[in-house]
Amino acid sequence: MKIYLKIENDIIIDVKFETFGCGSAIASSSMATELIKGKPVSEALALTNKAVVEALDGLPVHKLHCSVLAEEAIKAALQDYYDRNGIEYDHEMSSDCLSCGHCCSQKLE
């Protein structure tokens, strides 16, 4: 899953995605892009997999990892944007699955 961002004046003005996977992965990618388009970068950083699942009106438990991948792809794209532009960022936002705080098999409340 890859996310491509066009950012101007700290606003995400366009978002594209490239996903190879099941329908749940494609739907999660698509919804994540819709949720951040037109928003400030700070709001995109706050996107969670739970918000993606809620916007999709749910996902099967065994497909929740798709929403986690979408969240991580957004954060990785933003990290790349910061790196390319020499902008300081909080390293806690890194898309490191071991420290992301989510559990792919955990039910969303």
C-alpha atoms as a PDB file:
ATOM      1  CA  MET A   1       0.000   0.000   0.000  1.00  0.00           C
ATOM      2  CA  LYS A   2       1.437   3.371  -1.055  1.00  0.00           C
ATOM      3  CA  ILE A   3       0.010   6.831  -0.524  1.00  0.00           C
ATOM      4  CA  TYR A   4       1.043   9.859  -2.592  1.00  0.00           C
ATOM      5  CA  LEU A   5       0.403  13.348  -1.224  1.00  0.00           C
ATOM      6  CA  LYS A   6       0.310  16.802  -2.759  1.00  0.00           C
ATOM      7  CA  ILE A   7       0.668  19.354   0.018  1.00  0.00           C
ATOM      8  CA  GLU A   8       0.494  23.135  -0.262  1.00  0.00           C
ATOM      9  CA  ASN A   9       0.588  25.546   2.687  1.00  0.00           C
ATOM     10  CA  ASP A  10       0.298  22.617   5.119  1.00  0.00           C
ATOM     11  CA  ILE A  11      -2.958  21.437   3.469  1.00  0.00           C
ATOM     12  CA  ILE A  12      -3.263  18.108   1.681  1.00  0.00           C
ATOM     13  CA  ILE A  13      -4.729  19.214  -1.635  1.00  0.00           C
ATOM     14  CA  ASP A  14      -4.564  15.852  -3.395  1.00  0.00           C
ATOM     15  CA  VAL A  15      -4.070  12.222  -2.415  1.00  0.00           C
ATOM     16  CA  LYS A  16      -3.564   9.112  -4.530  1.00  0.00           C
ATOM     17  CA  PHE A  17      -3.088   5.521  -3.497  1.00  0.00           C
ATOM     18  CA  GLU A  18      -1.687   2.331  -4.941  1.00  0.00           C
ATOM     19  CA  THR A  19      -2.806  -0.883  -3.293  1.00  0.00           C
ATOM     20  CA  PHE A  20      -2.283  -4.475  -4.273  1.00  0.00           C
ATOM     21  CA  GLY A  21      -4.521  -6.628  -2.133  1.00  0.00           C
ATOM     22  CA  CYS A  22      -8.034  -7.640  -1.273  1.00  0.00           C
ATOM     23  CA  GLY A  23     -11.161  -5.514  -1.455  1.00  0.00           C
ATOM     24  CA  SER A  24     -10.837  -4.549   2.212  1.00  0.00           C
ATOM     25  CA  ALA A  25      -7.317  -3.215   1.617  1.00  0.00           C
ATOM     26  CA  ILE A  26      -8.462  -1.212  -1.404  1.00  0.00           C
ATOM     27  CA  ALA A  27     -11.506   0.128   0.450  1.00  0.00           C
ATOM     28  CA  SER A  28      -9.367   1.093   3.463  1.00  0.00           C
ATOM     29  CA  SER A  29      -6.867   2.895   1.230  1.00  0.00           C
ATOM     30  CA  SER A  30      -9.585   4.735  -0.620  1.00  0.00           C
ATOM     31  CA  MET A  31     -11.404   5.782   2.538  1.00  0.00           C
ATOM     32  CA  ALA A  32      -8.185   6.934   4.222  1.00  0.00           C
ATOM     33  CA  THR A  33      -7.412   9.190   1.246  1.00  0.00           C
ATOM     34  CA  GLU A  34     -10.930  10.639   1.348  1.00  0.00           C
ATOM     35  CA  LEU A  35     -10.639  11.308   5.074  1.00  0.00           C
ATOM     36  CA  ILE A  36      -7.445  13.382   4.740  1.00  0.00           C
ATOM     37  CA  LYS A  37      -7.951  15.190   1.429  1.00  0.00           C
ATOM     38  CA  GLY A  38      -8.384  18.930   2.006  1.00  0.00           C
ATOM     39  CA  LYS A  39      -7.262  18.649   5.620  1.00  0.00           C
ATOM     40  CA  PRO A  40      -4.220  20.150   7.362  1.00  0.00           C
ATOM     41  CA  VAL A  41      -1.252  17.818   7.817  1.00  0.00           C
ATOM     42  CA  SER A  42      -1.848  17.837  11.579  1.00  0.00           C
ATOM     43  CA  GLU A  43      -5.301  16.307  11.074  1.00  0.00           C
ATOM     44  CA  ALA A  44      -3.922  13.677   8.707  1.00  0.00           C
ATOM     45  CA  LEU A  45      -1.394  12.690  11.361  1.00  0.00           C
ATOM     46  CA  ALA A  46      -4.262  12.112  13.767  1.00  0.00           C
ATOM     47  CA  LEU A  47      -6.021   9.650  11.430  1.00  0.00           C
ATOM     48  CA  THR A  48      -6.504   6.276  13.078  1.00  0.00           C
ATOM     49  CA  ASN A  49      -7.400   2.881  11.753  1.00  0.00           C
ATOM     50  CA  LYS A  50     -10.513   3.057  13.918  1.00  0.00           C
ATOM     51  CA  ALA A  51     -11.655   6.183  12.014  1.00  0.00           C
ATOM     52  CA  VAL A  52     -11.126   4.337   8.718  1.00  0.00           C
ATOM     53  CA  VAL A  53     -13.161   1.340   9.922  1.00  0.00           C
ATOM     54  CA  GLU A  54     -15.956   3.585  11.217  1.00  0.00           C
ATOM     55  CA  ALA A  55     -16.087   5.507   7.918  1.00  0.00           C
ATOM     56  CA  LEU A  56     -16.428   2.168   6.112  1.00  0.00           C
ATOM     57  CA  ASP A  57     -19.227   1.123   8.485  1.00  0.00           C
ATOM     58  CA  GLY A  58     -17.021  -1.696   9.726  1.00  0.00           C
ATOM     59  CA  LEU A  59     -14.722  -4.424   8.487  1.00  0.00           C
ATOM     60  CA  PRO A  60     -14.664  -8.110   9.345  1.00  0.00           C
ATOM     61  CA  VAL A  61     -12.411  -8.779  12.333  1.00  0.00           C
ATOM     62  CA  HIS A  62      -9.997 -10.789  10.191  1.00  0.00           C
ATOM     63  CA  LYS A  63      -9.644  -7.753   7.856  1.00  0.00           C
ATOM     64  CA  LEU A  64      -8.929  -5.071  10.486  1.00  0.00           C
ATOM     65  CA  HIS A  65      -5.247  -5.188   9.564  1.00  0.00           C
ATOM     66  CA  CYS A  66      -6.200  -3.495   6.272  1.00  0.00           C
ATOM     67  CA  SER A  67      -7.250  -0.359   8.143  1.00  0.00           C
ATOM     68  CA  VAL A  68      -3.992  -0.467  10.117  1.00  0.00           C
ATOM     69  CA  LEU A  69      -2.061  -0.632   6.837  1.00  0.00           C
ATOM     70  CA  ALA A  70      -3.943   2.444   5.591  1.00  0.00           C
ATOM     71  CA  GLU A  71      -3.100   4.414   8.747  1.00  0.00           C
ATOM     72  CA  GLU A  72       0.541   3.371   8.533  1.00  0.00           C
ATOM     73  CA  ALA A  73       0.737   4.260   4.825  1.00  0.00           C
ATOM     74  CA  ILE A  74      -0.601   7.774   5.521  1.00  0.00           C
ATOM     75  CA  LYS A  75       1.936   8.272   8.310  1.00  0.00           C
ATOM     76  CA  ALA A  76       4.776   6.914   6.159  1.00  0.00           C
ATOM     77  CA  ALA A  77       3.830   9.312   3.336  1.00  0.00           C
ATOM     78  CA  LEU A  78       3.792  12.221   5.775  1.00  0.00           C
ATOM     79  CA  GLN A  79       7.135  11.161   7.234  1.00  0.00           C
ATOM     80  CA  ASP A  80       8.558  11.068   3.702  1.00  0.00           C
ATOM     81  CA  TYR A  81       7.166  14.571   3.051  1.00  0.00           C
ATOM     82  CA  TYR A  82       8.798  15.855   6.251  1.00  0.00           C
ATOM     83  CA  ASP A  83      12.109  14.182   5.411  1.00  0.00           C
ATOM     84  CA  ARG A  84      12.158  15.557   1.861  1.00  0.00           C
ATOM     85  CA  ASN A  85      11.418  19.069   3.089  1.00  0.00           C
ATOM     86  CA  GLY A  86      13.719  19.062   6.123  1.00  0.00           C
ATOM     87  CA  ILE A  87      10.813  19.488   8.529  1.00  0.00           C
ATOM     88  CA  GLU A  88      11.219  18.243  12.102  1.00  0.00           C
ATOM     89  CA  TYR A  89       8.637  15.674  13.147  1.00  0.00           C
ATOM     90  CA  ASP A  90       7.724  13.557  16.114  1.00  0.00           C
ATOM     91  CA  HIS A  91       9.370  10.165  15.621  1.00  0.00           C
ATOM     92  CA  GLU A  92       6.464   8.574  17.486  1.00  0.00           C
ATOM     93  CA  MET A  93       4.445   8.938  14.272  1.00  0.00           C
ATOM     94  CA  SER A  94       6.764   6.489  12.511  1.00  0.00           C
ATOM     95  CA  SER A  95       5.068   3.572  10.813  1.00  0.00           C
ATOM     96  CA  ASP A  96       6.785   0.885  12.854  1.00  0.00           C
ATOM     97  CA  CYS A  97       4.229  -1.887  13.356  1.00  0.00           C
ATOM     98  CA  LEU A  98       5.861  -3.086  16.573  1.00  0.00           C
ATOM     99  CA  SER A  99       5.335   0.288  18.244  1.00  0.00           C
ATOM    100  CA  CYS A 100       2.190   1.553  16.539  1.00  0.00           C
ATOM    101  CA  GLY A 101      -0.040   0.774  19.511  1.00  0.00           C
ATOM    102  CA  HIS A 102      -2.551  -1.166  17.465  1.00  0.00           C
ATOM    103  CA  CYS A 103      -3.232  -4.843  17.387  1.00  0.00           C
ATOM    104  CA  CYS A 104      -4.385  -6.217  14.062  1.00  0.00           C
ATOM    105  CA  SER A 105      -6.382  -8.939  15.764  1.00  0.00           C
ATOM    106  CA  GLN A 106      -7.910  -6.707  18.435  1.00  0.00           C
ATOM    107  CA  LYS A 107     -11.603  -5.841  18.064  1.00  0.00           C
ATOM    108  CA  LEU A 108     -12.387  -2.143  17.752  1.00  0.00           C
ATOM    109  CA  GLU A 109     -14.660  -0.765  20.445  1.00  0.00           C
END
